Each structure stands twice: as structure tokens, then as C-alpha cells.
Amino acid sequence: MKHSSQDQRRDQRGDRSRLQQVPYWLALCGIALGLLWIRGGERDVRGGTLVIAGVLLAAAAARLGLPDKRAGMLGSRRRILDVAAFAVLGVGLLVAGLVFPART
């Protein structure tokens, strides 16, 4: 059965669409990993918080560096607002993870 050029273009668009979501899924998996780390116990809260902070800062950098078409679901608003939101949350968690004492 032959595929028309329209079907091939639709398949290519579907592949690109899936690839555009890679930054979002990486951020989501990183945050899930940080939450699992926190769940390990009181001594692991600092490490998990720092992991989530790093993921949010990496998401801010990805949103800043990627064009709008490649940002996928990381881009829900204007670029500057997305970057500011990720950066503020990332820096806030980074400060919280570094300032608050870890239980031993």
C-alpha cells in the first residue's frame, strides 16, 4: 500500500511534535526523581530539594535557549515569563536547600 505525500508529511509532523516535548519530559522526570529522593526520609530532604532546584533552573535555561517551536510544553506563556517562573522557583528551592539545616 502506497503512502501519499500528505501522509508522509503528517508522520513527519507527528515525529517533530513528539521531539518537541523532550525538554518537558526531562524536566518532569527530574522533578519526579527529586520527589522520590525526598520521600526517602528526613535526611534526604535537602538532596531532593537541591535536585528539584537544579531541574527547575535547567528548565529555565532550556526555555531561554530553545526557540518557541522547540520548547514544547515548557513554553506556556511568553518566554520571559516562563524563564522568570522557573528561575524564581529554582532559586527559591536552591536557597531553601542550602540554608535550612539538614537533619542527621
N, C-alpha and C. Protein backbone atom coordinates (compact mmCIF):
# COMPACT_ATOMS: atom_id res chain seq x y z
N MET A 1 0.83 -1.17 0.00
CA MET A 1 0.00 0.00 0.00
C MET A 1 0.89 1.24 0.00
N LYS A 2 0.64 2.15 -0.90
CA LYS A 2 1.45 3.36 -1.02
C LYS A 2 0.94 4.44 -0.08
N HIS A 3 1.90 5.18 0.45
CA HIS A 3 1.54 6.33 1.29
C HIS A 3 1.63 7.58 0.45
N SER A 4 0.68 8.43 0.61
CA SER A 4 0.70 9.69 -0.12
C SER A 4 1.68 10.64 0.54
N SER A 5 2.04 11.68 -0.19
CA SER A 5 2.96 12.67 0.38
C SER A 5 2.32 13.38 1.56
N GLN A 6 1.00 13.48 1.56
CA GLN A 6 0.31 14.11 2.68
C GLN A 6 0.46 13.25 3.94
N ASP A 7 0.36 11.92 3.80
CA ASP A 7 0.55 11.02 4.94
C ASP A 7 1.97 11.11 5.48
N GLN A 8 2.94 11.20 4.57
CA GLN A 8 4.33 11.30 5.00
C GLN A 8 4.58 12.60 5.75
N ARG A 9 4.01 13.70 5.27
CA ARG A 9 4.16 14.97 5.97
C ARG A 9 3.51 14.93 7.35
N ARG A 10 2.36 14.27 7.44
CA ARG A 10 1.68 14.14 8.72
C ARG A 10 2.52 13.31 9.69
N ASP A 11 3.15 12.24 9.19
CA ASP A 11 4.02 11.42 10.03
C ASP A 11 5.24 12.22 10.50
N GLN A 12 5.82 13.02 9.61
CA GLN A 12 6.96 13.83 9.99
C GLN A 12 6.58 14.87 11.04
N ARG A 13 5.40 15.47 10.88
CA ARG A 13 4.93 16.45 11.87
C ARG A 13 4.72 15.77 13.22
N GLY A 14 4.19 14.55 13.21
CA GLY A 14 3.99 13.81 14.46
C GLY A 14 5.29 13.51 15.15
N ASP A 15 6.33 13.15 14.37
CA ASP A 15 7.64 12.89 14.94
C ASP A 15 8.23 14.15 15.55
N ARG A 16 8.12 15.27 14.84
CA ARG A 16 8.62 16.54 15.36
C ARG A 16 7.86 16.95 16.60
N SER A 17 6.56 16.71 16.61
CA SER A 17 5.74 17.07 17.75
C SER A 17 6.19 16.30 19.00
N ARG A 18 6.48 15.04 18.82
CA ARG A 18 6.95 14.23 19.96
C ARG A 18 8.32 14.70 20.42
N LEU A 19 9.19 15.05 19.49
CA LEU A 19 10.53 15.51 19.88
C LEU A 19 10.47 16.86 20.59
N GLN A 20 9.48 17.67 20.27
CA GLN A 20 9.36 18.97 20.93
C GLN A 20 9.04 18.82 22.41
N GLN A 21 8.50 17.71 22.82
CA GLN A 21 8.11 17.50 24.21
C GLN A 21 9.25 16.94 25.06
N VAL A 22 10.40 16.61 24.46
CA VAL A 22 11.50 16.02 25.21
C VAL A 22 11.96 16.91 26.36
N PRO A 23 12.16 18.23 26.18
CA PRO A 23 12.58 19.05 27.33
C PRO A 23 11.57 19.00 28.48
N TYR A 24 10.30 19.01 28.15
CA TYR A 24 9.26 18.95 29.18
C TYR A 24 9.34 17.63 29.94
N TRP A 25 9.45 16.52 29.22
CA TRP A 25 9.50 15.22 29.88
C TRP A 25 10.77 15.05 30.70
N LEU A 26 11.88 15.61 30.24
CA LEU A 26 13.10 15.56 31.05
C LEU A 26 12.92 16.32 32.36
N ALA A 27 12.31 17.50 32.28
CA ALA A 27 12.06 18.27 33.50
C ALA A 27 11.09 17.54 34.42
N LEU A 28 10.05 16.97 33.85
CA LEU A 28 9.06 16.25 34.66
C LEU A 28 9.69 15.03 35.35
N CYS A 29 10.51 14.29 34.63
CA CYS A 29 11.18 13.12 35.21
C CYS A 29 12.18 13.54 36.29
N GLY A 30 12.88 14.64 36.06
CA GLY A 30 13.82 15.13 37.06
C GLY A 30 13.12 15.55 38.35
N ILE A 31 12.00 16.21 38.22
CA ILE A 31 11.23 16.61 39.41
C ILE A 31 10.68 15.38 40.12
N ALA A 32 10.21 14.40 39.37
CA ALA A 32 9.72 13.17 39.98
C ALA A 32 10.85 12.46 40.72
N LEU A 33 12.05 12.45 40.14
CA LEU A 33 13.20 11.84 40.80
C LEU A 33 13.52 12.57 42.11
N GLY A 34 13.47 13.91 42.09
CA GLY A 34 13.71 14.68 43.31
C GLY A 34 12.67 14.39 44.38
N LEU A 35 11.41 14.26 43.97
CA LEU A 35 10.35 13.95 44.94
C LEU A 35 10.52 12.54 45.52
N LEU A 36 10.95 11.61 44.69
CA LEU A 36 11.22 10.25 45.21
C LEU A 36 12.39 10.27 46.19
N TRP A 37 13.38 11.10 45.89
CA TRP A 37 14.54 11.23 46.77
C TRP A 37 14.10 11.79 48.12
N ILE A 38 13.25 12.81 48.11
CA ILE A 38 12.74 13.41 49.35
C ILE A 38 11.97 12.38 50.16
N ARG A 39 11.25 11.53 49.48
CA ARG A 39 10.44 10.53 50.16
C ARG A 39 11.28 9.52 50.93
N GLY A 40 12.59 9.50 50.65
CA GLY A 40 13.48 8.55 51.29
C GLY A 40 13.63 8.75 52.79
N GLY A 41 13.35 9.91 53.28
CA GLY A 41 13.47 10.15 54.72
C GLY A 41 13.89 11.58 55.00
N GLU A 42 13.94 11.91 56.28
CA GLU A 42 14.26 13.28 56.68
C GLU A 42 15.65 13.72 56.24
N ARG A 43 16.59 12.79 56.23
CA ARG A 43 17.96 13.16 55.85
C ARG A 43 18.08 13.40 54.34
N ASP A 44 17.13 12.95 53.57
CA ASP A 44 17.20 13.08 52.12
C ASP A 44 16.45 14.30 51.59
N VAL A 45 15.83 15.06 52.46
CA VAL A 45 15.04 16.21 52.02
C VAL A 45 15.92 17.25 51.34
N ARG A 46 17.06 17.53 51.91
CA ARG A 46 17.96 18.53 51.34
C ARG A 46 18.42 18.13 49.94
N GLY A 47 18.83 16.89 49.78
CA GLY A 47 19.28 16.43 48.46
C GLY A 47 18.19 16.48 47.42
N GLY A 48 17.00 16.05 47.79
CA GLY A 48 15.88 16.09 46.85
C GLY A 48 15.49 17.51 46.47
N THR A 49 15.55 18.40 47.46
CA THR A 49 15.23 19.81 47.20
C THR A 49 16.24 20.40 46.23
N LEU A 50 17.51 20.07 46.41
CA LEU A 50 18.54 20.58 45.50
C LEU A 50 18.40 19.99 44.10
N VAL A 51 17.98 18.74 44.02
CA VAL A 51 17.74 18.14 42.70
C VAL A 51 16.62 18.88 41.98
N ILE A 52 15.52 19.12 42.67
CA ILE A 52 14.39 19.82 42.05
C ILE A 52 14.80 21.24 41.67
N ALA A 53 15.56 21.90 42.51
CA ALA A 53 16.03 23.25 42.19
C ALA A 53 16.89 23.23 40.92
N GLY A 54 17.77 22.26 40.81
CA GLY A 54 18.61 22.15 39.63
C GLY A 54 17.80 21.89 38.37
N VAL A 55 16.79 21.05 38.49
CA VAL A 55 15.93 20.74 37.34
C VAL A 55 15.16 21.99 36.91
N LEU A 56 14.65 22.75 37.85
CA LEU A 56 13.92 23.97 37.51
C LEU A 56 14.82 25.01 36.86
N LEU A 57 16.06 25.12 37.35
CA LEU A 57 17.00 26.06 36.74
C LEU A 57 17.40 25.59 35.34
N ALA A 58 17.54 24.27 35.16
CA ALA A 58 17.84 23.74 33.83
C ALA A 58 16.65 23.97 32.89
N ALA A 59 15.43 23.86 33.40
CA ALA A 59 14.25 24.13 32.59
C ALA A 59 14.21 25.60 32.18
N ALA A 60 14.61 26.48 33.09
CA ALA A 60 14.67 27.91 32.75
C ALA A 60 15.69 28.15 31.65
N ALA A 61 16.85 27.51 31.75
CA ALA A 61 17.88 27.66 30.72
C ALA A 61 17.41 27.09 29.39
N ALA A 62 16.72 25.93 29.44
CA ALA A 62 16.21 25.32 28.21
C ALA A 62 15.17 26.22 27.56
N ARG A 63 14.29 26.78 28.36
CA ARG A 63 13.24 27.65 27.81
C ARG A 63 13.85 28.90 27.22
N LEU A 64 14.91 29.40 27.84
CA LEU A 64 15.58 30.60 27.34
C LEU A 64 16.32 30.30 26.04
N GLY A 65 16.93 29.14 25.96
CA GLY A 65 17.76 28.82 24.80
C GLY A 65 17.02 28.23 23.62
N LEU A 66 15.94 27.53 23.87
CA LEU A 66 15.22 26.87 22.78
C LEU A 66 14.27 27.84 22.08
N PRO A 67 14.15 27.72 20.76
CA PRO A 67 13.14 28.53 20.08
C PRO A 67 11.74 28.10 20.51
N ASP A 68 10.78 28.97 20.32
CA ASP A 68 9.41 28.69 20.78
C ASP A 68 8.86 27.39 20.21
N LYS A 69 9.19 27.08 18.97
CA LYS A 69 8.69 25.85 18.35
C LYS A 69 9.26 24.60 19.00
N ARG A 70 10.47 24.68 19.57
CA ARG A 70 11.12 23.51 20.16
C ARG A 70 10.92 23.39 21.66
N ALA A 71 10.35 24.40 22.29
CA ALA A 71 10.20 24.40 23.75
C ALA A 71 9.11 23.46 24.22
N GLY A 72 8.19 23.11 23.35
CA GLY A 72 7.11 22.20 23.72
C GLY A 72 6.27 22.76 24.85
N MET A 73 5.94 21.91 25.82
CA MET A 73 5.07 22.36 26.91
C MET A 73 5.82 23.15 27.97
N LEU A 74 7.14 23.30 27.83
CA LEU A 74 7.86 24.22 28.73
C LEU A 74 7.41 25.65 28.46
N GLY A 75 6.96 25.90 27.26
CA GLY A 75 6.52 27.24 26.89
C GLY A 75 5.02 27.37 26.94
N SER A 76 4.52 27.88 28.04
CA SER A 76 3.07 28.05 28.15
C SER A 76 2.66 29.51 28.06
N ARG A 77 3.60 30.40 28.29
CA ARG A 77 3.33 31.84 28.21
C ARG A 77 4.43 32.46 27.36
N ARG A 78 4.62 33.75 27.52
CA ARG A 78 5.74 34.38 26.82
C ARG A 78 7.04 33.87 27.42
N ARG A 79 8.08 33.87 26.62
CA ARG A 79 9.37 33.31 27.03
C ARG A 79 9.88 33.91 28.34
N ILE A 80 9.83 35.22 28.48
CA ILE A 80 10.38 35.87 29.67
C ILE A 80 9.61 35.46 30.92
N LEU A 81 8.31 35.28 30.82
CA LEU A 81 7.52 34.87 31.98
C LEU A 81 7.82 33.41 32.36
N ASP A 82 7.98 32.55 31.35
CA ASP A 82 8.33 31.15 31.63
C ASP A 82 9.68 31.07 32.31
N VAL A 83 10.67 31.77 31.77
CA VAL A 83 12.01 31.75 32.34
C VAL A 83 12.00 32.31 33.76
N ALA A 84 11.28 33.41 33.95
CA ALA A 84 11.22 34.02 35.29
C ALA A 84 10.56 33.07 36.29
N ALA A 85 9.49 32.41 35.89
CA ALA A 85 8.81 31.48 36.81
C ALA A 85 9.71 30.32 37.20
N PHE A 86 10.34 29.69 36.20
CA PHE A 86 11.24 28.58 36.50
C PHE A 86 12.42 29.03 37.35
N ALA A 87 12.99 30.19 37.02
CA ALA A 87 14.16 30.69 37.74
C ALA A 87 13.82 31.05 39.19
N VAL A 88 12.71 31.73 39.40
CA VAL A 88 12.33 32.11 40.77
C VAL A 88 12.08 30.86 41.63
N LEU A 89 11.36 29.90 41.08
CA LEU A 89 11.12 28.67 41.84
C LEU A 89 12.42 27.91 42.08
N GLY A 90 13.28 27.84 41.07
CA GLY A 90 14.55 27.13 41.21
C GLY A 90 15.46 27.79 42.24
N VAL A 91 15.58 29.11 42.17
CA VAL A 91 16.44 29.82 43.12
C VAL A 91 15.86 29.72 44.53
N GLY A 92 14.55 29.82 44.65
CA GLY A 92 13.92 29.69 45.97
C GLY A 92 14.19 28.33 46.60
N LEU A 93 14.06 27.27 45.81
CA LEU A 93 14.34 25.94 46.35
C LEU A 93 15.83 25.74 46.60
N LEU A 94 16.67 26.34 45.77
CA LEU A 94 18.12 26.25 45.99
C LEU A 94 18.50 26.91 47.31
N VAL A 95 17.97 28.09 47.55
CA VAL A 95 18.25 28.79 48.81
C VAL A 95 17.71 27.98 49.99
N ALA A 96 16.49 27.47 49.85
CA ALA A 96 15.91 26.68 50.94
C ALA A 96 16.74 25.43 51.21
N GLY A 97 17.21 24.79 50.16
CA GLY A 97 18.01 23.58 50.34
C GLY A 97 19.36 23.84 50.95
N LEU A 98 19.93 25.01 50.68
CA LEU A 98 21.25 25.33 51.21
C LEU A 98 21.20 25.97 52.58
N VAL A 99 20.15 26.72 52.90
CA VAL A 99 20.08 27.48 54.14
C VAL A 99 19.58 26.64 55.30
N PHE A 100 18.51 25.93 55.08
CA PHE A 100 17.93 25.17 56.19
C PHE A 100 18.82 23.98 56.54
N PRO A 101 19.02 23.76 57.83
CA PRO A 101 19.93 22.68 58.23
C PRO A 101 19.35 21.30 57.91
N ALA A 102 20.24 20.41 57.54
CA ALA A 102 19.82 19.04 57.26
C ALA A 102 19.79 18.26 58.57
N ARG A 103 18.80 17.43 58.72
CA ARG A 103 18.70 16.58 59.92
C ARG A 103 19.67 15.42 59.78
N THR A 104 20.29 15.10 60.86
CA THR A 104 21.24 13.96 60.83
C THR A 104 20.81 12.88 61.78
